[in-house]
N, C-alpha and C. Protein backbone atom coordinates (compact mmCIF):
# COMPACT_ATOMS: atom_id res chain seq x y z
N MET A 1 138.93 26.38 10.92
CA MET A 1 138.30 27.56 11.51
C MET A 1 137.30 28.16 10.54
N ARG A 2 137.74 28.29 9.30
CA ARG A 2 136.84 28.87 8.31
C ARG A 2 135.59 28.03 8.16
N ARG A 3 135.77 26.72 8.18
CA ARG A 3 134.61 25.82 8.05
C ARG A 3 133.65 26.03 9.20
N THR A 4 134.22 26.22 10.42
CA THR A 4 133.38 26.44 11.59
C THR A 4 132.60 27.72 11.46
N LEU A 5 133.24 28.82 11.03
CA LEU A 5 132.56 30.10 10.86
C LEU A 5 131.44 29.99 9.82
N MET A 6 131.71 29.24 8.76
CA MET A 6 130.70 29.10 7.73
C MET A 6 129.48 28.37 8.28
N ILE A 7 129.74 27.37 9.11
CA ILE A 7 128.62 26.63 9.70
C ILE A 7 127.80 27.55 10.59
N LEU A 8 128.51 28.36 11.44
CA LEU A 8 127.82 29.29 12.32
C LEU A 8 127.02 30.32 11.53
N LEU A 9 127.59 30.83 10.46
CA LEU A 9 126.91 31.82 9.62
C LEU A 9 125.67 31.20 8.99
N GLY A 10 125.84 29.97 8.58
CA GLY A 10 124.67 29.31 7.99
C GLY A 10 123.55 29.15 9.00
N LEU A 11 123.91 28.86 10.23
CA LEU A 11 122.89 28.71 11.25
C LEU A 11 122.19 30.03 11.55
N LEU A 12 123.02 31.12 11.60
CA LEU A 12 122.44 32.45 11.87
C LEU A 12 121.50 32.89 10.75
N LEU A 13 121.91 32.61 9.52
CA LEU A 13 121.07 32.98 8.39
C LEU A 13 119.78 32.15 8.35
N ALA A 14 119.93 30.92 8.82
CA ALA A 14 118.77 30.04 8.80
C ALA A 14 117.74 30.43 9.87
N THR A 15 118.19 31.04 10.95
CA THR A 15 117.28 31.35 12.07
C THR A 15 116.18 32.33 11.69
N PRO A 16 116.48 33.49 11.01
CA PRO A 16 115.39 34.40 10.62
C PRO A 16 114.41 33.74 9.66
N ALA A 17 114.91 32.90 8.82
CA ALA A 17 114.02 32.26 7.86
C ALA A 17 113.06 31.32 8.54
N CYS A 18 113.45 30.73 9.64
CA CYS A 18 112.58 29.79 10.34
C CYS A 18 111.57 30.50 11.23
N SER A 19 112.00 31.66 11.78
CA SER A 19 111.14 32.34 12.76
C SER A 19 109.78 32.71 12.18
N PRO A 20 109.73 33.32 10.97
CA PRO A 20 108.41 33.64 10.43
C PRO A 20 107.56 32.40 10.25
N THR A 21 108.22 31.31 9.87
CA THR A 21 107.46 30.10 9.65
C THR A 21 106.83 29.62 10.93
N LEU A 22 107.63 29.68 12.02
CA LEU A 22 107.10 29.27 13.31
C LEU A 22 105.98 30.21 13.74
N GLY A 23 106.23 31.53 13.53
CA GLY A 23 105.20 32.51 13.92
C GLY A 23 103.92 32.28 13.14
N ASN A 24 104.01 32.07 11.81
CA ASN A 24 102.84 31.88 10.99
C ASN A 24 102.09 30.61 11.40
N SER A 25 102.89 29.61 11.78
CA SER A 25 102.25 28.37 12.19
C SER A 25 101.42 28.59 13.43
N ASP A 26 101.95 29.38 14.38
CA ASP A 26 101.20 29.67 15.60
C ASP A 26 99.93 30.45 15.29
N ASP A 27 100.09 31.46 14.36
CA ASP A 27 98.93 32.28 14.03
C ASP A 27 97.86 31.44 13.38
N ASP A 28 98.28 30.51 12.52
CA ASP A 28 97.29 29.68 11.85
C ASP A 28 96.54 28.84 12.85
N ASP A 29 97.31 28.34 13.85
CA ASP A 29 96.63 27.57 14.89
C ASP A 29 95.65 28.45 15.65
N ALA A 30 96.10 29.71 15.85
CA ALA A 30 95.22 30.64 16.56
C ALA A 30 93.95 30.90 15.79
N THR A 31 94.03 30.63 14.46
CA THR A 31 92.81 30.80 13.67
C THR A 31 91.69 29.92 14.17
N ASP A 32 92.05 28.96 15.05
CA ASP A 32 91.00 28.17 15.70
C ASP A 32 90.00 29.07 16.38
N ASP A 33 90.51 30.29 16.80
CA ASP A 33 89.56 31.24 17.39
C ASP A 33 88.49 31.62 16.39
N ASP A 34 88.94 31.73 15.09
CA ASP A 34 87.95 32.04 14.07
C ASP A 34 86.93 30.93 13.98
N ASP A 35 87.46 29.67 14.12
CA ASP A 35 86.52 28.55 14.09
C ASP A 35 85.55 28.66 15.26
N ALA A 36 86.11 29.06 16.43
CA ALA A 36 85.24 29.21 17.60
C ALA A 36 84.19 30.27 17.34
N THR A 37 84.68 31.37 16.66
CA THR A 37 83.71 32.41 16.31
C THR A 37 82.65 31.87 15.39
N GLY A 38 83.09 31.01 14.48
CA GLY A 38 82.14 30.37 13.60
C GLY A 38 81.14 29.56 14.39
N ASP A 39 81.66 28.87 15.43
CA ASP A 39 80.73 28.11 16.27
C ASP A 39 79.74 29.03 16.94
N ASP A 40 80.30 30.25 17.36
CA ASP A 40 79.40 31.22 17.99
C ASP A 40 78.32 31.64 17.03
N ASP A 41 78.76 31.86 15.73
CA ASP A 41 77.77 32.27 14.74
C ASP A 41 76.71 31.21 14.59
N ASP A 42 77.17 29.93 14.58
CA ASP A 42 76.21 28.85 14.47
C ASP A 42 75.26 28.86 15.65
N ALA A 43 75.87 29.10 16.85
CA ALA A 43 75.03 29.13 18.05
C ALA A 43 74.02 30.25 17.94
N THR A 44 74.50 31.41 17.40
CA THR A 44 73.58 32.53 17.22
C THR A 44 72.46 32.14 16.27
N GLY A 45 72.86 31.41 15.24
CA GLY A 45 71.85 30.93 14.31
C GLY A 45 70.84 30.07 15.02
N ASP A 46 71.34 29.20 15.94
CA ASP A 46 70.41 28.36 16.70
C ASP A 46 69.48 29.21 17.53
N ASP A 47 70.09 30.32 18.14
CA ASP A 47 69.27 31.21 18.95
C ASP A 47 68.18 31.84 18.12
N ASP A 48 68.60 32.26 16.86
CA ASP A 48 67.61 32.90 16.01
C ASP A 48 66.49 31.93 15.69
N ASP A 49 66.88 30.67 15.42
CA ASP A 49 65.85 29.69 15.10
C ASP A 49 64.92 29.50 16.28
N ALA A 50 65.54 29.42 17.48
CA ALA A 50 64.72 29.21 18.67
C ALA A 50 63.78 30.39 18.88
N THR A 51 64.36 31.60 18.67
CA THR A 51 63.52 32.79 18.85
C THR A 51 62.38 32.80 17.86
N GLY A 52 62.71 32.45 16.62
CA GLY A 52 61.66 32.42 15.60
C GLY A 52 60.59 31.43 15.94
N ASP A 53 61.03 30.23 16.41
CA ASP A 53 60.04 29.21 16.73
C ASP A 53 59.16 29.64 17.87
N ASP A 54 59.83 30.20 18.93
CA ASP A 54 59.07 30.57 20.12
C ASP A 54 58.08 31.68 19.81
N ASP A 55 58.59 32.77 19.16
CA ASP A 55 57.74 33.93 18.93
C ASP A 55 56.61 33.59 17.97
N ASP A 56 57.01 32.93 16.84
CA ASP A 56 56.01 32.68 15.82
C ASP A 56 54.94 31.74 16.34
N ASP A 57 55.39 30.65 16.99
CA ASP A 57 54.42 29.69 17.47
C ASP A 57 53.54 30.30 18.54
N ALA A 58 54.19 31.05 19.46
CA ALA A 58 53.40 31.64 20.55
C ALA A 58 52.39 32.62 19.99
N THR A 59 52.85 33.43 19.03
CA THR A 59 51.93 34.40 18.43
C THR A 59 50.78 33.70 17.74
N GLY A 60 51.12 32.63 17.05
CA GLY A 60 50.09 31.87 16.37
C GLY A 60 49.06 31.34 17.35
N ASP A 61 49.55 30.86 18.52
CA ASP A 61 48.62 30.34 19.51
C ASP A 61 47.70 31.44 20.02
N ASP A 62 48.29 32.66 20.23
CA ASP A 62 47.49 33.77 20.72
C ASP A 62 46.40 34.13 19.72
N ASP A 63 46.78 34.08 18.40
CA ASP A 63 45.81 34.44 17.39
C ASP A 63 44.64 33.45 17.38
N ASP A 64 44.92 32.19 17.73
CA ASP A 64 43.88 31.18 17.73
C ASP A 64 42.94 31.31 18.93
N THR A 65 43.38 32.04 19.95
CA THR A 65 42.56 32.18 21.15
C THR A 65 41.47 33.23 20.92
N PRO A 66 40.20 32.89 21.15
CA PRO A 66 39.14 33.88 20.93
C PRO A 66 39.25 35.04 21.90
N PRO A 67 38.87 36.25 21.48
CA PRO A 67 38.95 37.41 22.38
C PRO A 67 37.98 37.25 23.54
N PRO A 68 38.28 37.88 24.69
CA PRO A 68 37.38 37.76 25.83
C PRO A 68 36.02 38.39 25.55
N TYR A 69 34.99 37.83 26.16
CA TYR A 69 33.63 38.34 25.96
C TYR A 69 33.48 39.69 26.66
N VAL A 70 32.90 40.64 25.96
CA VAL A 70 32.67 41.97 26.54
C VAL A 70 31.22 42.04 27.01
N PRO A 71 31.00 42.17 28.32
CA PRO A 71 29.63 42.16 28.84
C PRO A 71 28.81 43.35 28.33
N GLY A 72 27.52 43.15 28.26
CA GLY A 72 26.59 44.22 27.94
C GLY A 72 25.71 44.48 29.15
N ILE A 73 24.89 45.52 29.04
CA ILE A 73 24.02 45.86 30.17
C ILE A 73 22.69 46.39 29.62
N VAL A 74 21.59 46.01 30.29
CA VAL A 74 20.26 46.47 29.90
C VAL A 74 19.64 47.21 31.08
N PHE A 75 19.22 48.44 30.82
CA PHE A 75 18.60 49.28 31.84
C PHE A 75 17.13 49.42 31.49
N SER A 76 16.28 48.89 32.35
CA SER A 76 14.84 48.86 32.07
C SER A 76 14.05 49.60 33.14
N GLY A 77 12.85 50.00 32.77
CA GLY A 77 11.95 50.63 33.72
C GLY A 77 10.52 50.42 33.26
N TRP A 78 9.58 50.36 34.21
CA TRP A 78 8.18 50.18 33.83
C TRP A 78 7.25 50.64 34.94
N PHE A 79 6.01 50.88 34.51
CA PHE A 79 4.91 51.16 35.43
C PHE A 79 3.81 50.16 35.12
N GLY A 80 3.36 49.43 36.14
CA GLY A 80 2.42 48.34 35.91
C GLY A 80 1.04 48.81 35.51
N GLU A 81 0.44 49.71 36.27
CA GLU A 81 -0.90 50.22 35.95
C GLU A 81 -0.72 51.44 35.07
N CYS A 82 -0.67 51.20 33.79
CA CYS A 82 -0.27 52.25 32.85
C CYS A 82 -0.83 51.93 31.49
N TRP A 83 -1.10 52.94 30.71
CA TRP A 83 -1.46 52.74 29.31
C TRP A 83 -0.52 53.58 28.44
N GLY A 84 -0.36 53.16 27.24
CA GLY A 84 0.55 53.87 26.33
C GLY A 84 2.00 53.49 26.59
N GLU A 85 2.81 54.49 26.73
CA GLU A 85 4.25 54.27 26.89
C GLU A 85 4.54 53.89 28.35
N CYS A 86 4.65 52.61 28.58
CA CYS A 86 4.76 52.13 29.96
C CYS A 86 6.07 51.42 30.27
N ARG A 87 6.78 51.01 29.26
CA ARG A 87 8.01 50.25 29.48
C ARG A 87 9.15 50.88 28.68
N PHE A 88 10.33 50.90 29.29
CA PHE A 88 11.51 51.53 28.69
C PHE A 88 12.70 50.58 28.82
N ASP A 89 13.35 50.29 27.73
CA ASP A 89 14.49 49.38 27.73
C ASP A 89 15.64 50.00 26.95
N LEU A 90 16.77 50.11 27.61
CA LEU A 90 17.99 50.62 26.98
C LEU A 90 19.06 49.54 27.04
N SER A 91 19.43 49.02 25.90
CA SER A 91 20.47 47.99 25.81
C SER A 91 21.78 48.63 25.36
N LEU A 92 22.80 48.49 26.16
CA LEU A 92 24.11 49.06 25.84
C LEU A 92 25.10 47.92 25.60
N THR A 93 25.71 47.92 24.41
CA THR A 93 26.62 46.85 24.02
C THR A 93 27.98 47.46 23.70
N PRO A 94 28.90 47.47 24.66
CA PRO A 94 30.22 48.08 24.43
C PRO A 94 30.98 47.43 23.28
N GLU A 95 30.83 46.12 23.10
CA GLU A 95 31.58 45.42 22.06
C GLU A 95 31.29 45.98 20.68
N ASP A 96 30.04 46.41 20.46
CA ASP A 96 29.64 46.98 19.17
C ASP A 96 29.51 48.50 19.23
N SER A 97 29.78 49.09 20.40
CA SER A 97 29.66 50.55 20.59
C SER A 97 28.26 51.04 20.26
N VAL A 98 27.26 50.27 20.66
CA VAL A 98 25.89 50.57 20.26
C VAL A 98 24.97 50.60 21.49
N GLY A 99 23.99 51.50 21.42
CA GLY A 99 22.92 51.53 22.40
C GLY A 99 21.59 51.50 21.67
N VAL A 100 20.66 50.68 22.14
CA VAL A 100 19.33 50.57 21.52
C VAL A 100 18.29 50.90 22.57
N TYR A 101 17.41 51.83 22.23
CA TYR A 101 16.38 52.30 23.15
C TYR A 101 15.00 51.99 22.59
N VAL A 102 14.17 51.35 23.40
CA VAL A 102 12.83 50.97 22.97
C VAL A 102 11.82 51.41 24.01
N VAL A 103 10.78 52.09 23.56
CA VAL A 103 9.65 52.47 24.41
C VAL A 103 8.44 51.68 23.92
N SER A 104 7.80 50.94 24.82
CA SER A 104 6.72 50.05 24.40
C SER A 104 5.57 50.09 25.41
N GLY A 105 4.48 49.41 25.03
CA GLY A 105 3.31 49.29 25.91
C GLY A 105 3.12 47.84 26.32
N TRP A 106 2.12 47.62 27.18
CA TRP A 106 1.91 46.27 27.72
C TRP A 106 1.29 45.32 26.70
N GLU A 107 0.84 45.83 25.59
CA GLU A 107 0.32 44.96 24.53
C GLU A 107 1.36 44.81 23.42
N ASN A 108 2.64 45.03 23.77
CA ASN A 108 3.78 44.86 22.86
C ASN A 108 3.79 45.88 21.71
N GLU A 109 3.02 46.94 21.85
CA GLU A 109 3.10 47.98 20.84
C GLU A 109 4.39 48.79 21.04
N ILE A 110 5.03 49.13 19.95
CA ILE A 110 6.30 49.87 20.00
C ILE A 110 6.03 51.33 19.66
N TYR A 111 6.39 52.21 20.56
CA TYR A 111 6.21 53.63 20.33
C TYR A 111 7.49 54.29 19.81
N THR A 112 8.60 53.85 20.32
CA THR A 112 9.88 54.42 19.89
C THR A 112 10.91 53.30 19.86
N GLU A 113 11.71 53.29 18.82
CA GLU A 113 12.84 52.36 18.74
C GLU A 113 13.95 53.06 17.97
N ARG A 114 15.07 53.23 18.62
CA ARG A 114 16.18 53.92 17.95
C ARG A 114 17.51 53.35 18.43
N GLU A 115 18.48 53.53 17.59
CA GLU A 115 19.83 53.02 17.86
C GLU A 115 20.83 54.16 17.78
N GLY A 116 21.74 54.20 18.75
CA GLY A 116 22.77 55.24 18.76
C GLY A 116 24.16 54.62 18.87
N VAL A 117 25.15 55.39 18.42
CA VAL A 117 26.54 54.96 18.48
C VAL A 117 27.20 55.63 19.69
N LEU A 118 27.76 54.81 20.56
CA LEU A 118 28.38 55.33 21.77
C LEU A 118 29.65 56.10 21.45
N SER A 119 29.88 57.18 22.18
CA SER A 119 31.10 57.96 22.03
C SER A 119 32.24 57.31 22.80
N ALA A 120 33.46 57.80 22.59
CA ALA A 120 34.61 57.28 23.34
C ALA A 120 34.43 57.53 24.84
N ASP A 121 33.92 58.72 25.19
CA ASP A 121 33.66 59.02 26.60
C ASP A 121 32.57 58.11 27.17
N GLY A 122 31.56 57.85 26.34
CA GLY A 122 30.49 56.98 26.78
C GLY A 122 30.98 55.57 27.03
N LEU A 123 31.83 55.06 26.15
CA LEU A 123 32.38 53.71 26.31
C LEU A 123 33.24 53.62 27.57
N GLN A 124 34.05 54.65 27.79
CA GLN A 124 34.91 54.64 28.97
C GLN A 124 34.09 54.68 30.26
N LEU A 125 33.09 55.55 30.28
CA LEU A 125 32.23 55.67 31.47
C LEU A 125 31.47 54.36 31.72
N LEU A 126 30.99 53.76 30.65
CA LEU A 126 30.25 52.51 30.78
C LEU A 126 31.15 51.40 31.32
N ALA A 127 32.39 51.34 30.84
CA ALA A 127 33.33 50.33 31.33
C ALA A 127 33.62 50.52 32.81
N GLU A 128 33.79 51.78 33.22
CA GLU A 128 34.07 52.06 34.63
C GLU A 128 32.89 51.67 35.51
N VAL A 129 31.69 51.94 35.04
CA VAL A 129 30.49 51.61 35.82
C VAL A 129 30.35 50.10 35.97
N MET A 130 30.57 49.38 34.89
CA MET A 130 30.40 47.94 34.92
C MET A 130 31.46 47.27 35.79
N GLU A 131 32.63 47.86 35.86
CA GLU A 131 33.70 47.30 36.69
C GLU A 131 33.50 47.65 38.17
N SER A 132 32.67 48.64 38.44
CA SER A 132 32.51 49.11 39.83
C SER A 132 31.57 48.23 40.65
N VAL A 133 30.84 47.35 39.99
CA VAL A 133 29.85 46.52 40.69
C VAL A 133 30.06 45.05 40.35
N ASP A 134 29.96 44.22 41.37
CA ASP A 134 29.97 42.77 41.17
C ASP A 134 28.53 42.30 41.13
N PRO A 135 27.99 41.97 39.95
CA PRO A 135 26.58 41.58 39.87
C PRO A 135 26.22 40.40 40.77
N GLY A 136 27.17 39.50 40.97
CA GLY A 136 26.90 38.33 41.78
C GLY A 136 26.69 38.65 43.25
N SER A 137 27.09 39.84 43.68
CA SER A 137 26.93 40.22 45.09
C SER A 137 25.62 40.93 45.37
N LEU A 138 24.83 41.19 44.32
CA LEU A 138 23.59 41.96 44.48
C LEU A 138 22.41 41.05 44.80
N ASP A 139 21.42 41.63 45.52
CA ASP A 139 20.17 40.92 45.77
C ASP A 139 19.31 40.98 44.51
N PRO A 140 18.46 39.99 44.29
CA PRO A 140 17.57 40.03 43.12
C PRO A 140 16.59 41.21 43.17
N VAL A 141 16.14 41.56 44.40
CA VAL A 141 15.15 42.63 44.55
C VAL A 141 15.51 43.49 45.75
N TYR A 142 15.35 44.81 45.57
CA TYR A 142 15.52 45.76 46.68
C TYR A 142 14.22 46.54 46.83
N GLY A 143 13.74 46.66 48.07
CA GLY A 143 12.52 47.43 48.33
C GLY A 143 11.30 46.74 47.75
N CYS A 144 10.39 47.55 47.22
CA CYS A 144 9.14 47.04 46.67
C CYS A 144 8.90 47.67 45.29
N PRO A 145 9.58 47.14 44.27
CA PRO A 145 9.47 47.74 42.93
C PRO A 145 8.02 47.75 42.42
N ASP A 146 7.60 48.90 41.93
CA ASP A 146 6.28 49.13 41.33
C ASP A 146 5.12 48.89 42.29
N CYS A 147 5.38 48.86 43.57
CA CYS A 147 4.28 48.81 44.52
C CYS A 147 3.53 50.15 44.49
N ALA A 148 2.20 50.09 44.60
CA ALA A 148 1.36 51.29 44.55
C ALA A 148 1.64 52.09 43.29
N ASP A 149 1.96 51.35 42.21
CA ASP A 149 2.24 51.95 40.90
C ASP A 149 3.35 53.00 40.96
N GLY A 150 4.32 52.72 41.82
CA GLY A 150 5.43 53.66 41.94
C GLY A 150 6.52 53.46 40.90
N GLY A 151 6.39 52.42 40.11
CA GLY A 151 7.38 52.18 39.06
C GLY A 151 8.52 51.30 39.55
N ALA A 152 9.17 50.67 38.60
CA ALA A 152 10.28 49.76 38.91
C ALA A 152 11.43 50.01 37.95
N ARG A 153 12.59 49.71 38.44
CA ARG A 153 13.80 49.73 37.61
C ARG A 153 14.44 48.33 37.68
N GLN A 154 15.10 47.97 36.59
CA GLN A 154 15.83 46.70 36.55
C GLN A 154 17.12 46.89 35.76
N ILE A 155 18.20 46.35 36.30
CA ILE A 155 19.48 46.34 35.59
C ILE A 155 19.86 44.88 35.35
N THR A 156 20.17 44.57 34.11
CA THR A 156 20.55 43.21 33.74
C THR A 156 21.94 43.24 33.13
N TRP A 157 22.83 42.44 33.71
CA TRP A 157 24.18 42.29 33.18
C TRP A 157 24.22 41.07 32.28
N ASP A 158 24.55 41.28 31.01
CA ASP A 158 24.70 40.17 30.07
C ASP A 158 26.15 39.71 30.13
N LEU A 159 26.38 38.58 30.81
CA LEU A 159 27.74 38.10 31.04
C LEU A 159 28.13 36.97 30.09
N GLY A 160 27.37 36.82 29.00
CA GLY A 160 27.69 35.77 28.04
C GLY A 160 26.85 34.54 28.30
N PRO A 161 27.42 33.55 29.01
CA PRO A 161 26.64 32.34 29.26
C PRO A 161 25.48 32.56 30.24
N VAL A 162 25.56 33.59 31.06
CA VAL A 162 24.51 33.86 32.04
C VAL A 162 24.15 35.35 32.03
N ALA A 163 22.98 35.65 32.58
CA ALA A 163 22.56 37.04 32.77
C ALA A 163 22.13 37.19 34.23
N VAL A 164 22.51 38.31 34.83
CA VAL A 164 22.19 38.57 36.23
C VAL A 164 21.37 39.86 36.30
N SER A 165 20.23 39.80 36.97
CA SER A 165 19.33 40.96 37.06
C SER A 165 19.07 41.33 38.51
N THR A 166 18.82 42.61 38.72
CA THR A 166 18.39 43.10 40.03
C THR A 166 17.35 44.19 39.82
N GLN A 167 16.33 44.21 40.65
CA GLN A 167 15.25 45.19 40.56
C GLN A 167 15.20 46.06 41.81
N TYR A 168 14.70 47.29 41.62
CA TYR A 168 14.54 48.20 42.75
C TYR A 168 13.47 49.22 42.40
N GLU A 169 13.07 50.00 43.37
CA GLU A 169 12.02 51.00 43.18
C GLU A 169 12.50 52.11 42.24
N TRP A 170 11.59 52.58 41.41
CA TRP A 170 11.91 53.68 40.49
C TRP A 170 12.34 54.89 41.30
N GLY A 171 13.52 55.42 41.00
CA GLY A 171 14.03 56.60 41.70
C GLY A 171 14.60 56.33 43.07
N ASN A 172 14.69 55.06 43.46
CA ASN A 172 15.19 54.75 44.80
C ASN A 172 16.13 53.53 44.75
N PRO A 173 17.26 53.68 44.09
CA PRO A 173 18.19 52.54 44.01
C PRO A 173 18.87 52.30 45.36
N PRO A 174 19.31 51.08 45.61
CA PRO A 174 20.08 50.84 46.83
C PRO A 174 21.41 51.57 46.76
N PRO A 175 22.05 51.84 47.88
CA PRO A 175 23.33 52.58 47.87
C PRO A 175 24.38 51.97 46.94
N SER A 176 24.39 50.66 46.86
CA SER A 176 25.40 50.00 46.03
C SER A 176 25.19 50.24 44.54
N LEU A 177 23.99 50.69 44.15
CA LEU A 177 23.68 50.92 42.74
C LEU A 177 23.36 52.38 42.43
N SER A 178 23.55 53.24 43.40
CA SER A 178 23.20 54.65 43.21
C SER A 178 23.98 55.28 42.05
N ASP A 179 25.30 55.09 42.04
CA ASP A 179 26.12 55.69 40.97
C ASP A 179 25.80 55.05 39.62
N VAL A 180 25.58 53.75 39.61
CA VAL A 180 25.25 53.06 38.37
C VAL A 180 23.93 53.58 37.81
N ASP A 181 22.95 53.75 38.68
CA ASP A 181 21.65 54.27 38.26
C ASP A 181 21.79 55.67 37.67
N ASP A 182 22.59 56.52 38.30
CA ASP A 182 22.81 57.88 37.78
C ASP A 182 23.39 57.85 36.37
N VAL A 183 24.40 57.00 36.18
CA VAL A 183 25.07 56.95 34.87
C VAL A 183 24.13 56.39 33.80
N LEU A 184 23.42 55.31 34.12
CA LEU A 184 22.52 54.71 33.14
C LEU A 184 21.37 55.64 32.78
N ARG A 185 20.89 56.42 33.75
CA ARG A 185 19.84 57.39 33.45
C ARG A 185 20.37 58.49 32.54
N ALA A 186 21.65 58.83 32.66
CA ALA A 186 22.24 59.83 31.76
C ALA A 186 22.28 59.30 30.32
N PHE A 187 22.64 58.02 30.15
CA PHE A 187 22.59 57.41 28.81
C PHE A 187 21.15 57.43 28.28
N GLU A 188 20.21 57.06 29.15
CA GLU A 188 18.80 57.00 28.76
C GLU A 188 18.29 58.39 28.35
N ASP A 189 18.69 59.39 29.09
CA ASP A 189 18.21 60.75 28.81
C ASP A 189 18.70 61.24 27.45
N GLU A 190 19.98 60.96 27.13
CA GLU A 190 20.51 61.42 25.84
C GLU A 190 19.78 60.80 24.66
N ILE A 191 19.56 59.49 24.72
CA ILE A 191 18.95 58.84 23.57
C ILE A 191 17.44 59.05 23.54
N ALA A 192 16.83 59.33 24.71
CA ALA A 192 15.38 59.57 24.75
C ALA A 192 15.02 60.96 24.26
N THR A 193 15.86 61.94 24.59
CA THR A 193 15.55 63.33 24.24
C THR A 193 16.25 63.80 22.97
N CYS A 194 17.17 62.98 22.46
CA CYS A 194 17.98 63.34 21.29
C CYS A 194 18.95 64.48 21.59
N ASN A 195 19.11 64.82 22.84
CA ASN A 195 20.08 65.84 23.24
C ASN A 195 21.41 65.13 23.52
N TYR A 196 22.02 64.61 22.44
CA TYR A 196 23.21 63.77 22.59
C TYR A 196 24.48 64.53 22.22
N GLY A 197 25.60 63.89 22.46
CA GLY A 197 26.90 64.49 22.15
C GLY A 197 27.95 64.14 23.18
N ASP A 198 27.52 63.81 24.38
CA ASP A 198 28.47 63.43 25.43
C ASP A 198 28.69 61.91 25.47
N LEU A 199 27.60 61.17 25.61
CA LEU A 199 27.69 59.72 25.75
C LEU A 199 27.41 58.99 24.44
N PHE A 200 26.64 59.63 23.57
CA PHE A 200 26.39 59.12 22.22
C PHE A 200 26.97 60.12 21.23
N ARG A 201 27.65 59.59 20.22
CA ARG A 201 28.19 60.51 19.20
C ARG A 201 27.29 60.60 17.97
N SER A 202 26.37 59.66 17.85
CA SER A 202 25.47 59.68 16.71
C SER A 202 24.20 58.92 17.05
N ILE A 203 23.03 59.52 16.74
CA ILE A 203 21.74 58.85 16.86
C ILE A 203 20.93 59.22 15.62
N PRO A 204 21.00 58.42 14.57
CA PRO A 204 20.33 58.77 13.31
C PRO A 204 18.81 58.93 13.47
N ASP A 205 18.27 59.90 12.77
CA ASP A 205 16.82 60.14 12.73
C ASP A 205 16.22 60.22 14.13
N CYS A 206 16.87 60.95 15.01
CA CYS A 206 16.45 61.00 16.39
C CYS A 206 15.45 62.12 16.62
N ASP A 207 14.23 61.76 17.01
CA ASP A 207 13.19 62.72 17.39
C ASP A 207 12.84 62.50 18.85
N PRO A 208 12.54 63.53 19.59
CA PRO A 208 12.18 63.35 21.01
C PRO A 208 11.04 62.36 21.19
N VAL A 209 11.06 61.66 22.29
CA VAL A 209 10.01 60.67 22.58
C VAL A 209 8.69 61.41 22.79
N PRO A 210 7.64 61.05 22.05
CA PRO A 210 6.32 61.71 22.22
C PRO A 210 5.82 61.56 23.65
N GLY A 211 5.30 62.63 24.19
CA GLY A 211 4.70 62.56 25.51
C GLY A 211 5.66 62.74 26.65
N GLY A 212 6.94 62.57 26.41
CA GLY A 212 7.93 62.81 27.44
C GLY A 212 8.00 61.77 28.53
N GLY A 213 7.42 60.60 28.35
CA GLY A 213 7.55 59.56 29.36
C GLY A 213 6.24 58.84 29.65
N PRO A 214 6.22 57.98 30.67
CA PRO A 214 5.03 57.17 30.94
C PRO A 214 3.90 57.96 31.56
N THR A 215 2.72 57.43 31.39
CA THR A 215 1.55 58.03 32.01
C THR A 215 0.98 57.04 33.03
N PRO A 216 1.26 57.24 34.28
CA PRO A 216 0.79 56.30 35.32
C PRO A 216 -0.74 56.23 35.32
N GLY A 217 -1.26 55.02 35.61
CA GLY A 217 -2.71 54.85 35.65
C GLY A 217 -3.24 54.86 37.08
């Protein structure tokens, strides 16, 4: 009997000692979750690499792409039977924020040539005007420009590889160009009279145009 009790006691004492071992063994196996987490970290690393490759390469490609061409516009006017200041050309280049105004005669004599820096408001207004008209939809000529020495106007869109021009009677634009003509004449007036500040923010050495305009013959 005593031997039997001793055997049972030994078994009971042995049971607690084994339980932690079994428990620890299970926990260690569960550490496989840590390995899985490690796999997740590796996967995250792969994601980071992919993100780096995609963003960096894509950005690099964008940097290699040339910026889109910014169109310019030339607003001209002339009187055919005229002496002295007979031709007026205003070139507006949004890309450089510059406007150049030239007053000349029919023998290529230059009476006035000046350059102004467009203001932020001027650039915005110019962009809106240029977007409001499709140059390709316009007729080359409207009415009878400079007939009976009435003067002519011409608007030329510099579209990069091509230029599109349309002409009309001085002071009588077609309805499709009425707003454009108003805006371009406002630019012309500021740089011609040196009364700037709205559309031009700077016009160095600006003196009013002598004579105040053309003298029809």
